[in-house]
Structure formats: structure tokens, C-alpha cells
């Protein structure tokens, strides 16, 4: 028995089966974590940043200066991106200052744009000069000197540290997955400004994970009827957030290594036995 449109029940069931497969593949892609368009939000906090803000308080905060945290990798984004676009952020110094301040252990002082600060102080003195002769000129507070300088840089960026994938196809219906891992390495060191001695030095690494999922259908459902369906999603871990996490982790180790070596002290000696502190000390 034939239907009026010329489709047999067998062909209709075949279409229905393939439509169901396509619906399942489309649902898998639609359930992928695709962020909708939205307004600006605060940068998501990593586990390392949470640990940084939960460190036990110090006996006293240390004034530190950061003159820069340069990109020393010389790496550029691979093709087809612009050859003038660097692989890592050039604003690592701002990230480091934020980590130092959020830790509660350091008092960062402005040094990266010190000339701008000095210019503004000169303007204040010029505007507040008393008109009357013999009047006392305005006195600005002295700039806070730093006890330590935090030096270092982004010392390595490895492309395609690990790549791989998997896929399966049956009668023209299948799916594939590919992934890639990069790695960024950050080095920090603390320098005593009185002697120039390097007190401690820390290097931390963070992997950058990217993956792609691609389902597809390609088959003839009849002699002249070809069904083709493709979909896919790619997710790349933001490189700047990985750099921030590596910096946060380096600051944690910088603090705890100083505690272990007696360079600075906890407010309460019993905090040295806290699970958070012991977890990081065991990895040093």
C-alpha cells in the first residue's frame, strides 16, 4: 500500500528515525555552556583567589613596590590570528597588584606610573601656594617607601602541550571531539631594597584547556535523498584568567615561603597549622 504522496511506511519510519537522531545531536549542542549576551560582570573568582583571600592575617603588612611584570615569552597568537597579537596579556602588573592587595599581607605602593603621581603632587603645591607673603606653604604627606620589590614576569607559554580527540561514525551518523592544552608559567621573586638580596622566588604554571565537539549526519535516506546535518561548539579557557590564577597561586606560595623561612610572621602562631596553610606548605 502506498501513501498519496508516494512515501512508503518504511521510508517514513526511516525519516522519523533520522529526524530523532538529528534532534538528539542538536539537543546535545544546545545544552553546551553557551553564555548569552549580557552586561559586564565582575571577573569570576578562581579557587586560588579564594585561598588567597582566606589566608590567616599577618602580624603586620609589608609595603611592596611593583615596577612591572613583563611578558618574557615572546609568543604570539598562532595563525589565522594577527601576528602582532601576543599570546598572553600585557597587563600582568595590574593583576599582580590586585593579588597583593587582596591577600591582606601587602600594602602595594604606586611605582609603575610614579611620574604621573609626582606630577599631580607638583600641581597641588602650585595651586595651594599662599598668596600672602610669609604664609606657610602647604605640606603634603610623604610618599610611603617600600620594604620589598616584587619582580618577575611571564616566563613561558607552551602551545599544544597536549592534543587529542575521539570520534565515532555509524552509517553516516556520528560525533567527534578534539581538545588542546597550552601552559603558561609565571615567576615572582621578592627583593629586599636595603641589601638587594632576593629573599624568595616562586614559579607557578597553569594549563589552558580548549575543546571542540562536532556532531554530524551524512547519509542517503533514499536513492536521491541526501540528509546532511552538522553542528559544533568550541570553548577556549581565557588566557588572561589563567595568568591571573597563576599569579594568585604564586603570591600564596610567596607568602607562605616567607612564613616558613621566618621573613614575616602570622598574627597567631597557631594559624600555621590550619588546613589551608598546611596544604600549600606540603607542596613546597
C-alpha atoms as a PDB file:
ATOM      1  CA  UNK A   1       0.000   0.000   0.000  1.00  0.00           C
ATOM      2  CA  UNK A   2       1.346   3.458  -0.979  1.00  0.00           C
ATOM      3  CA  UNK A   3       0.507   6.814   0.531  1.00  0.00           C
ATOM      4  CA  UNK A   4      -0.852   9.570  -1.669  1.00  0.00           C
ATOM      5  CA  UNK A   5       2.449  11.484  -1.553  1.00  0.00           C
ATOM      6  CA  UNK A   6       4.433   8.499  -2.781  1.00  0.00           C
ATOM      7  CA  UNK A   7       6.212   7.729   0.571  1.00  0.00           C
ATOM      8  CA  UNK A   8       6.056   4.194   1.874  1.00  0.00           C
ATOM      9  CA  UNK A   9       5.683   3.480   5.598  1.00  0.00           C
ATOM     10  CA  UNK A  10       9.239   2.106   5.628  1.00  0.00           C
ATOM     11  CA  UNK A  11      10.633   5.344   4.209  1.00  0.00           C
ATOM     12  CA  UNK A  12       8.564   7.409   6.654  1.00  0.00           C
ATOM     13  CA  UNK A  13       9.913   5.399   9.588  1.00  0.00           C
ATOM     14  CA  UNK A  14      13.448   5.903   8.274  1.00  0.00           C
ATOM     15  CA  UNK A  15      12.880   9.652   8.088  1.00  0.00           C
ATOM     16  CA  UNK A  16      11.454   9.636  11.588  1.00  0.00           C
ATOM     17  CA  UNK A  17      14.492   7.734  12.918  1.00  0.00           C
ATOM     18  CA  UNK A  18      16.944  10.099  11.320  1.00  0.00           C
ATOM     19  CA  UNK A  19      14.956  13.096  12.498  1.00  0.00           C
ATOM     20  CA  UNK A  20      15.148  11.717  16.001  1.00  0.00           C
ATOM     21  CA  UNK A  21      18.946  11.299  15.734  1.00  0.00           C
ATOM     22  CA  UNK A  22      19.303  14.848  14.451  1.00  0.00           C
ATOM     23  CA  UNK A  23      17.124  16.125  17.305  1.00  0.00           C
ATOM     24  CA  UNK A  24      19.301  14.325  19.865  1.00  0.00           C
ATOM     25  CA  UNK A  25      22.520  15.737  18.369  1.00  0.00           C
ATOM     26  CA  UNK A  26      21.034  19.220  18.234  1.00  0.00           C
ATOM     27  CA  UNK A  27      19.943  18.908  21.858  1.00  0.00           C
ATOM     28  CA  UNK A  28      23.484  17.917  22.885  1.00  0.00           C
ATOM     29  CA  UNK A  29      24.866  21.032  21.245  1.00  0.00           C
ATOM     30  CA  UNK A  30      22.127  23.259  22.668  1.00  0.00           C
ATOM     31  CA  UNK A  31      22.907  22.037  26.186  1.00  0.00           C
ATOM     32  CA  UNK A  32      26.528  23.118  25.857  1.00  0.00           C
ATOM     33  CA  UNK A  33      27.548  26.014  28.137  1.00  0.00           C
ATOM     34  CA  UNK A  34      26.958  28.889  25.732  1.00  0.00           C
ATOM     35  CA  UNK A  35      26.913  32.190  27.605  1.00  0.00           C
ATOM     36  CA  UNK A  36      24.111  34.533  26.485  1.00  0.00           C
ATOM     37  CA  UNK A  37      24.730  38.167  25.739  1.00  0.00           C
ATOM     38  CA  UNK A  38      24.764  40.100  28.991  1.00  0.00           C
ATOM     39  CA  UNK A  39      26.197  43.145  30.654  1.00  0.00           C
ATOM     40  CA  UNK A  40      29.586  43.460  32.271  1.00  0.00           C
ATOM     41  CA  UNK A  41      30.170  41.437  35.429  1.00  0.00           C
ATOM     42  CA  UNK A  42      32.962  41.061  37.954  1.00  0.00           C
ATOM     43  CA  UNK A  43      35.728  38.718  36.883  1.00  0.00           C
ATOM     44  CA  UNK A  44      34.961  35.187  38.129  1.00  0.00           C
ATOM     45  CA  UNK A  45      36.996  34.158  41.136  1.00  0.00           C
ATOM     46  CA  UNK A  46      39.196  31.079  40.883  1.00  0.00           C
ATOM     47  CA  UNK A  47      39.864  28.620  43.696  1.00  0.00           C
ATOM     48  CA  UNK A  48      43.368  30.070  44.032  1.00  0.00           C
ATOM     49  CA  UNK A  49      41.964  33.579  44.576  1.00  0.00           C
ATOM     50  CA  UNK A  50      39.586  32.280  47.250  1.00  0.00           C
ATOM     51  CA  UNK A  51      42.506  30.638  49.030  1.00  0.00           C
ATOM     52  CA  UNK A  52      44.496  33.873  48.711  1.00  0.00           C
ATOM     53  CA  UNK A  53      41.781  35.919  50.425  1.00  0.00           C
ATOM     54  CA  UNK A  54      41.313  33.309  53.168  1.00  0.00           C
ATOM     55  CA  UNK A  55      44.933  33.179  54.325  1.00  0.00           C
ATOM     56  CA  UNK A  56      45.444  33.835  58.061  1.00  0.00           C
ATOM     57  CA  UNK A  57      46.221  37.501  58.812  1.00  0.00           C
ATOM     58  CA  UNK A  58      49.835  38.660  59.254  1.00  0.00           C
ATOM     59  CA  UNK A  59      51.395  40.295  62.269  1.00  0.00           C
ATOM     60  CA  UNK A  60      51.989  43.364  60.115  1.00  0.00           C
ATOM     61  CA  UNK A  61      51.539  44.258  56.470  1.00  0.00           C
ATOM     62  CA  UNK A  62      54.582  44.777  54.258  1.00  0.00           C
ATOM     63  CA  UNK A  63      54.814  47.730  51.861  1.00  0.00           C
ATOM     64  CA  UNK A  64      55.790  46.442  48.412  1.00  0.00           C
ATOM     65  CA  UNK A  65      56.528  48.081  45.069  1.00  0.00           C
ATOM     66  CA  UNK A  66      55.787  46.618  41.640  1.00  0.00           C
ATOM     67  CA  UNK A  67      57.580  48.277  38.740  1.00  0.00           C
ATOM     68  CA  UNK A  68      56.269  45.837  36.173  1.00  0.00           C
ATOM     69  CA  UNK A  69      55.594  42.220  35.316  1.00  0.00           C
ATOM     70  CA  UNK A  70      56.692  41.823  31.718  1.00  0.00           C
ATOM     71  CA  UNK A  71      55.800  39.240  29.128  1.00  0.00           C
ATOM     72  CA  UNK A  72      59.127  37.454  28.610  1.00  0.00           C
ATOM     73  CA  UNK A  73      57.768  34.659  26.417  1.00  0.00           C
ATOM     74  CA  UNK A  74      57.960  36.365  23.021  1.00  0.00           C
ATOM     75  CA  UNK A  75      54.941  34.280  21.992  1.00  0.00           C
ATOM     76  CA  UNK A  76      52.327  35.477  19.512  1.00  0.00           C
ATOM     77  CA  UNK A  77      48.929  34.031  18.747  1.00  0.00           C
ATOM     78  CA  UNK A  78      49.035  31.336  16.055  1.00  0.00           C
ATOM     79  CA  UNK A  79      47.524  31.786  12.596  1.00  0.00           C
ATOM     80  CA  UNK A  80      44.993  32.853  11.493  1.00  0.00           C
ATOM     81  CA  UNK A  81      45.184  35.461  14.266  1.00  0.00           C
ATOM     82  CA  UNK A  82      47.247  38.590  13.812  1.00  0.00           C
ATOM     83  CA  UNK A  83      50.990  38.068  14.101  1.00  0.00           C
ATOM     84  CA  UNK A  84      51.130  41.288  16.136  1.00  0.00           C
ATOM     85  CA  UNK A  85      48.792  39.965  18.848  1.00  0.00           C
ATOM     86  CA  UNK A  86      50.606  38.457  21.823  1.00  0.00           C
ATOM     87  CA  UNK A  87      49.594  35.120  23.288  1.00  0.00           C
ATOM     88  CA  UNK A  88      49.390  36.449  26.866  1.00  0.00           C
ATOM     89  CA  UNK A  89      48.152  39.642  28.458  1.00  0.00           C
ATOM     90  CA  UNK A  90      50.409  42.684  28.716  1.00  0.00           C
ATOM     91  CA  UNK A  91      48.648  43.863  31.893  1.00  0.00           C
ATOM     92  CA  UNK A  92      50.130  41.307  34.278  1.00  0.00           C
ATOM     93  CA  UNK A  93      51.468  44.044  36.592  1.00  0.00           C
ATOM     94  CA  UNK A  94      47.923  45.239  37.306  1.00  0.00           C
ATOM     95  CA  UNK A  95      46.903  41.651  38.056  1.00  0.00           C
ATOM     96  CA  UNK A  96      49.834  41.264  40.444  1.00  0.00           C
ATOM     97  CA  UNK A  97      48.995  44.471  42.329  1.00  0.00           C
ATOM     98  CA  UNK A  98      45.409  43.269  42.747  1.00  0.00           C
ATOM     99  CA  UNK A  99      46.579  39.903  44.081  1.00  0.00           C
ATOM    100  CA  UNK A 100      48.990  41.528  46.531  1.00  0.00           C
ATOM    101  CA  UNK A 101      46.297  43.852  47.857  1.00  0.00           C
ATOM    102  CA  UNK A 102      43.604  41.164  48.046  1.00  0.00           C
ATOM    103  CA  UNK A 103      45.896  38.889  50.043  1.00  0.00           C
ATOM    104  CA  UNK A 104      45.801  41.215  53.068  1.00  0.00           C
ATOM    105  CA  UNK A 105      49.557  40.716  53.591  1.00  0.00           C
ATOM    106  CA  UNK A 106      50.952  43.531  51.461  1.00  0.00           C
ATOM    107  CA  UNK A 107      50.487  47.272  51.003  1.00  0.00           C
ATOM    108  CA  UNK A 108      51.229  47.952  47.316  1.00  0.00           C
ATOM    109  CA  UNK A 109      52.581  51.427  46.564  1.00  0.00           C
ATOM    110  CA  UNK A 110      52.398  53.078  43.153  1.00  0.00           C
ATOM    111  CA  UNK A 111      55.601  52.759  41.176  1.00  0.00           C
ATOM    112  CA  UNK A 112      54.609  51.740  37.667  1.00  0.00           C
ATOM    113  CA  UNK A 113      53.219  55.215  36.932  1.00  0.00           C
ATOM    114  CA  UNK A 114      55.194  57.107  39.553  1.00  0.00           C
ATOM    115  CA  UNK A 115      55.815  60.091  37.277  1.00  0.00           C
ATOM    116  CA  UNK A 116      52.075  60.734  36.993  1.00  0.00           C
ATOM    117  CA  UNK A 117      51.784  60.735  40.781  1.00  0.00           C
ATOM    118  CA  UNK A 118      54.690  63.151  41.177  1.00  0.00           C
ATOM    119  CA  UNK A 119      53.192  65.463  38.553  1.00  0.00           C
ATOM    120  CA  UNK A 120      49.891  65.638  40.419  1.00  0.00           C
ATOM    121  CA  UNK A 121      51.677  66.425  43.672  1.00  0.00           C
ATOM    122  CA  UNK A 122      53.509  69.287  41.943  1.00  0.00           C
ATOM    123  CA  UNK A 123      50.174  70.631  40.662  1.00  0.00           C
ATOM    124  CA  UNK A 124      48.720  70.586  44.187  1.00  0.00           C
ATOM    125  CA  UNK A 125      51.694  72.511  45.533  1.00  0.00           C
ATOM    126  CA  UNK A 126      51.429  75.050  42.720  1.00  0.00           C
ATOM    127  CA  UNK A 127      47.693  75.630  43.252  1.00  0.00           C
ATOM    128  CA  UNK A 128      47.878  75.859  47.015  1.00  0.00           C
ATOM    129  CA  UNK A 129      50.768  78.314  47.275  1.00  0.00           C
ATOM    130  CA  UNK A 130      49.551  81.040  49.671  1.00  0.00           C
ATOM    131  CA  UNK A 131      49.124  84.479  48.125  1.00  0.00           C
ATOM    132  CA  UNK A 132      50.238  86.317  51.253  1.00  0.00           C
ATOM    133  CA  UNK A 133      53.923  86.704  51.884  1.00  0.00           C
ATOM    134  CA  UNK A 134      55.247  84.840  54.868  1.00  0.00           C
ATOM    135  CA  UNK A 135      52.380  82.337  54.914  1.00  0.00           C
ATOM    136  CA  UNK A 136      53.228  78.683  55.440  1.00  0.00           C
ATOM    137  CA  UNK A 137      53.139  76.700  52.192  1.00  0.00           C
ATOM    138  CA  UNK A 138      51.028  73.536  52.100  1.00  0.00           C
ATOM    139  CA  UNK A 139      52.702  70.343  53.232  1.00  0.00           C
ATOM    140  CA  UNK A 140      51.794  67.090  51.530  1.00  0.00           C
ATOM    141  CA  UNK A 141      52.269  63.761  53.310  1.00  0.00           C
ATOM    142  CA  UNK A 142      55.420  61.925  52.398  1.00  0.00           C
ATOM    143  CA  UNK A 143      55.234  59.083  49.916  1.00  0.00           C
ATOM    144  CA  UNK A 144      55.307  55.669  51.553  1.00  0.00           C
ATOM    145  CA  UNK A 145      58.608  53.851  50.947  1.00  0.00           C
ATOM    146  CA  UNK A 146      58.550  50.173  50.059  1.00  0.00           C
ATOM    147  CA  UNK A 147      60.327  47.493  52.029  1.00  0.00           C
ATOM    148  CA  UNK A 148      60.241  44.961  49.211  1.00  0.00           C
ATOM    149  CA  UNK A 149      60.186  44.978  45.431  1.00  0.00           C
ATOM    150  CA  UNK A 150      58.219  42.235  43.710  1.00  0.00           C
ATOM    151  CA  UNK A 151      59.908  41.352  40.430  1.00  0.00           C
ATOM    152  CA  UNK A 152      59.357  38.625  37.862  1.00  0.00           C
ATOM    153  CA  UNK A 153      57.452  38.045  34.677  1.00  0.00           C
ATOM    154  CA  UNK A 154      55.524  35.643  32.483  1.00  0.00           C
ATOM    155  CA  UNK A 155      58.445  33.397  31.615  1.00  0.00           C
ATOM    156  CA  UNK A 156      56.914  30.694  29.395  1.00  0.00           C
ATOM    157  CA  UNK A 157      53.931  29.943  27.195  1.00  0.00           C
ATOM    158  CA  UNK A 158      53.800  26.494  25.606  1.00  0.00           C
ATOM    159  CA  UNK A 159      51.464  25.886  22.656  1.00  0.00           C
ATOM    160  CA  UNK A 160      49.879  22.488  22.027  1.00  0.00           C
ATOM    161  CA  UNK A 161      51.360  20.946  25.128  1.00  0.00           C
ATOM    162  CA  UNK A 162      48.883  18.113  24.636  1.00  0.00           C
ATOM    163  CA  UNK A 163      46.377  17.496  21.841  1.00  0.00           C
ATOM    164  CA  UNK A 164      43.967  14.705  21.102  1.00  0.00           C
ATOM    165  CA  UNK A 165      40.460  13.718  20.252  1.00  0.00           C
ATOM    166  CA  UNK A 166      37.991  10.933  19.608  1.00  0.00           C
ATOM    167  CA  UNK A 167      35.120  10.257  17.271  1.00  0.00           C
ATOM    168  CA  UNK A 168      32.699   7.612  16.080  1.00  0.00           C
ATOM    169  CA  UNK A 169      30.560   7.225  12.981  1.00  0.00           C
ATOM    170  CA  UNK A 170      27.911   4.650  12.135  1.00  0.00           C
ATOM    171  CA  UNK A 171      26.028   4.670   8.850  1.00  0.00           C
ATOM    172  CA  UNK A 172      26.853   8.340   8.345  1.00  0.00           C
ATOM    173  CA  UNK A 173      25.745   9.407  11.835  1.00  0.00           C
ATOM    174  CA  UNK A 174      28.435  10.312  14.341  1.00  0.00           C
ATOM    175  CA  UNK A 175      30.218  12.834  16.512  1.00  0.00           C
ATOM    176  CA  UNK A 176      33.795  13.868  17.194  1.00  0.00           C
ATOM    177  CA  UNK A 177      35.656  15.698  19.952  1.00  0.00           C
ATOM    178  CA  UNK A 178      39.055  17.401  19.899  1.00  0.00           C
ATOM    179  CA  UNK A 179      40.975  19.114  22.682  1.00  0.00           C
ATOM    180  CA  UNK A 180      44.151  21.122  23.134  1.00  0.00           C
ATOM    181  CA  UNK A 181      46.164  22.098  26.197  1.00  0.00           C
ATOM    182  CA  UNK A 182      48.527  25.072  26.463  1.00  0.00           C
ATOM    183  CA  UNK A 183      50.522  26.132  29.510  1.00  0.00           C
ATOM    184  CA  UNK A 184      51.581  29.486  30.954  1.00  0.00           C
ATOM    185  CA  UNK A 185      54.313  29.891  33.596  1.00  0.00           C
ATOM    186  CA  UNK A 186      54.751  32.876  35.931  1.00  0.00           C
ATOM    187  CA  UNK A 187      57.772  33.677  38.107  1.00  0.00           C
ATOM    188  CA  UNK A 188      57.731  36.039  41.107  1.00  0.00           C
ATOM    189  CA  UNK A 189      60.574  36.998  43.424  1.00  0.00           C
ATOM    190  CA  UNK A 190      60.792  39.340  46.401  1.00  0.00           C
ATOM    191  CA  UNK A 191      63.837  41.612  46.743  1.00  0.00           C
ATOM    192  CA  UNK A 192      64.964  43.399  49.887  1.00  0.00           C
ATOM    193  CA  UNK A 193      65.502  47.057  48.933  1.00  0.00           C
ATOM    194  CA  UNK A 194      68.131  47.592  51.653  1.00  0.00           C
ATOM    195  CA  UNK A 195      70.538  44.892  50.516  1.00  0.00           C
ATOM    196  CA  UNK A 196      69.231  43.864  47.078  1.00  0.00           C
ATOM    197  CA  UNK A 197      69.045  40.273  48.290  1.00  0.00           C
ATOM    198  CA  UNK A 198      66.476  38.008  46.615  1.00  0.00           C
ATOM    199  CA  UNK A 199      64.538  36.683  49.590  1.00  0.00           C
ATOM    200  CA  UNK A 200      62.483  34.061  47.789  1.00  0.00           C
ATOM    201  CA  UNK A 201      61.478  33.081  44.261  1.00  0.00           C
ATOM    202  CA  UNK A 202      58.431  31.141  43.070  1.00  0.00           C
ATOM    203  CA  UNK A 203      57.385  29.736  39.679  1.00  0.00           C
ATOM    204  CA  UNK A 204      53.829  28.524  39.027  1.00  0.00           C
ATOM    205  CA  UNK A 205      52.213  27.024  35.931  1.00  0.00           C
ATOM    206  CA  UNK A 206      48.597  26.876  34.755  1.00  0.00           C
ATOM    207  CA  UNK A 207      47.206  24.858  31.858  1.00  0.00           C
ATOM    208  CA  UNK A 208      44.862  26.459  29.319  1.00  0.00           C
ATOM    209  CA  UNK A 209      42.246  23.984  28.074  1.00  0.00           C
ATOM    210  CA  UNK A 210      40.322  24.220  24.800  1.00  0.00           C
ATOM    211  CA  UNK A 211      37.931  21.712  23.239  1.00  0.00           C
ATOM    212  CA  UNK A 212      35.596  21.288  20.281  1.00  0.00           C
ATOM    213  CA  UNK A 213      32.533  18.999  19.967  1.00  0.00           C
ATOM    214  CA  UNK A 214      31.116  18.370  16.496  1.00  0.00           C
ATOM    215  CA  UNK A 215      28.142  16.037  15.770  1.00  0.00           C
ATOM    216  CA  UNK A 216      27.259  15.285  12.142  1.00  0.00           C
ATOM    217  CA  UNK A 217      24.892  13.318   9.918  1.00  0.00           C
ATOM    218  CA  UNK A 218      25.658  12.491   6.284  1.00  0.00           C
ATOM    219  CA  UNK A 219      23.795   9.738   4.504  1.00  0.00           C
ATOM    220  CA  UNK A 220      21.373   8.921   1.736  1.00  0.00           C
ATOM    221  CA  UNK A 221      17.922   8.254   3.117  1.00  0.00           C
ATOM    222  CA  UNK A 222      16.717   7.216  -0.331  1.00  0.00           C
ATOM    223  CA  UNK A 223      18.144   6.792  -3.806  1.00  0.00           C
ATOM    224  CA  UNK A 224      18.213  10.538  -4.450  1.00  0.00           C
ATOM    225  CA  UNK A 225      17.531  11.907  -0.988  1.00  0.00           C
ATOM    226  CA  UNK A 226      20.627  13.064   0.917  1.00  0.00           C
ATOM    227  CA  UNK A 227      20.413  14.144   4.546  1.00  0.00           C
ATOM    228  CA  UNK A 228      23.280  16.278   5.868  1.00  0.00           C
ATOM    229  CA  UNK A 229      23.496  17.874   9.312  1.00  0.00           C
ATOM    230  CA  UNK A 230      26.443  19.480  11.084  1.00  0.00           C
ATOM    231  CA  UNK A 231      26.769  21.324  14.354  1.00  0.00           C
ATOM    232  CA  UNK A 232      29.540  22.163  16.736  1.00  0.00           C
ATOM    233  CA  UNK A 233      30.742  24.159  19.666  1.00  0.00           C
ATOM    234  CA  UNK A 234      34.202  25.295  20.738  1.00  0.00           C
ATOM    235  CA  UNK A 235      35.218  26.522  24.166  1.00  0.00           C
ATOM    236  CA  UNK A 236      38.548  28.184  24.944  1.00  0.00           C
ATOM    237  CA  UNK A 237      39.650  28.889  28.506  1.00  0.00           C
ATOM    238  CA  UNK A 238      40.511  32.622  28.721  1.00  0.00           C
ATOM    239  CA  UNK A 239      44.286  33.038  28.792  1.00  0.00           C
ATOM    240  CA  UNK A 240      44.164  36.177  30.959  1.00  0.00           C
ATOM    241  CA  UNK A 241      42.180  34.356  33.665  1.00  0.00           C
ATOM    242  CA  UNK A 242      44.771  31.561  33.654  1.00  0.00           C
ATOM    243  CA  UNK A 243      47.539  34.149  34.055  1.00  0.00           C
ATOM    244  CA  UNK A 244      45.621  35.703  36.952  1.00  0.00           C
ATOM    245  CA  UNK A 245      45.240  32.300  38.617  1.00  0.00           C
ATOM    246  CA  UNK A 246      48.945  31.558  38.183  1.00  0.00           C
ATOM    247  CA  UNK A 247      49.784  34.941  39.763  1.00  0.00           C
ATOM    248  CA  UNK A 248      47.382  34.334  42.676  1.00  0.00           C
ATOM    249  CA  UNK A 249      48.981  30.950  43.324  1.00  0.00           C
ATOM    250  CA  UNK A 250      52.486  32.434  43.139  1.00  0.00           C
ATOM    251  CA  UNK A 251      51.562  35.119  45.712  1.00  0.00           C
ATOM    252  CA  UNK A 252      50.237  32.428  48.073  1.00  0.00           C
ATOM    253  CA  UNK A 253      53.500  30.490  47.869  1.00  0.00           C
ATOM    254  CA  UNK A 254      55.491  33.722  48.181  1.00  0.00           C
ATOM    255  CA  UNK A 255      53.703  34.486  51.458  1.00  0.00           C
ATOM    256  CA  UNK A 256      53.928  31.010  52.931  1.00  0.00           C
ATOM    257  CA  UNK A 257      57.536  30.524  51.916  1.00  0.00           C
ATOM    258  CA  UNK A 258      58.347  33.755  53.770  1.00  0.00           C
ATOM    259  CA  UNK A 259      56.461  32.475  56.815  1.00  0.00           C
ATOM    260  CA  UNK A 260      58.379  29.189  56.692  1.00  0.00           C
ATOM    261  CA  UNK A 261      61.740  30.992  56.374  1.00  0.00           C
ATOM    262  CA  UNK A 262      60.944  33.481  59.134  1.00  0.00           C
ATOM    263  CA  UNK A 263      60.855  36.564  56.880  1.00  0.00           C
ATOM    264  CA  UNK A 264      57.414  37.578  58.208  1.00  0.00           C
ATOM    265  CA  UNK A 265      55.062  36.165  60.790  1.00  0.00           C
ATOM    266  CA  UNK A 266      51.441  35.215  61.283  1.00  0.00           C
ATOM    267  CA  UNK A 267      49.376  37.208  63.742  1.00  0.00           C
ATOM    268  CA  UNK A 268      48.660  33.986  65.636  1.00  0.00           C
ATOM    269  CA  UNK A 269      51.276  31.225  65.537  1.00  0.00           C
ATOM    270  CA  UNK A 270      48.538  28.572  65.784  1.00  0.00           C
ATOM    271  CA  UNK A 271      47.315  29.546  62.293  1.00  0.00           C
ATOM    272  CA  UNK A 272      50.362  27.791  60.874  1.00  0.00           C
ATOM    273  CA  UNK A 273      48.541  24.501  61.494  1.00  0.00           C
ATOM    274  CA  UNK A 274      45.402  25.498  59.611  1.00  0.00           C
ATOM    275  CA  UNK A 275      44.410  23.059  56.808  1.00  0.00           C
ATOM    276  CA  UNK A 276      44.762  25.756  54.135  1.00  0.00           C
ATOM    277  CA  UNK A 277      48.315  26.678  55.152  1.00  0.00           C
ATOM    278  CA  UNK A 278      49.412  23.060  55.591  1.00  0.00           C
ATOM    279  CA  UNK A 279      48.042  22.086  52.191  1.00  0.00           C
ATOM    280  CA  UNK A 280      50.264  24.632  50.449  1.00  0.00           C
ATOM    281  CA  UNK A 281      53.291  24.017  52.694  1.00  0.00           C
ATOM    282  CA  UNK A 282      53.244  20.308  51.811  1.00  0.00           C
ATOM    283  CA  UNK A 283      53.533  21.169  48.120  1.00  0.00           C
ATOM    284  CA  UNK A 284      56.606  23.381  48.592  1.00  0.00           C
END
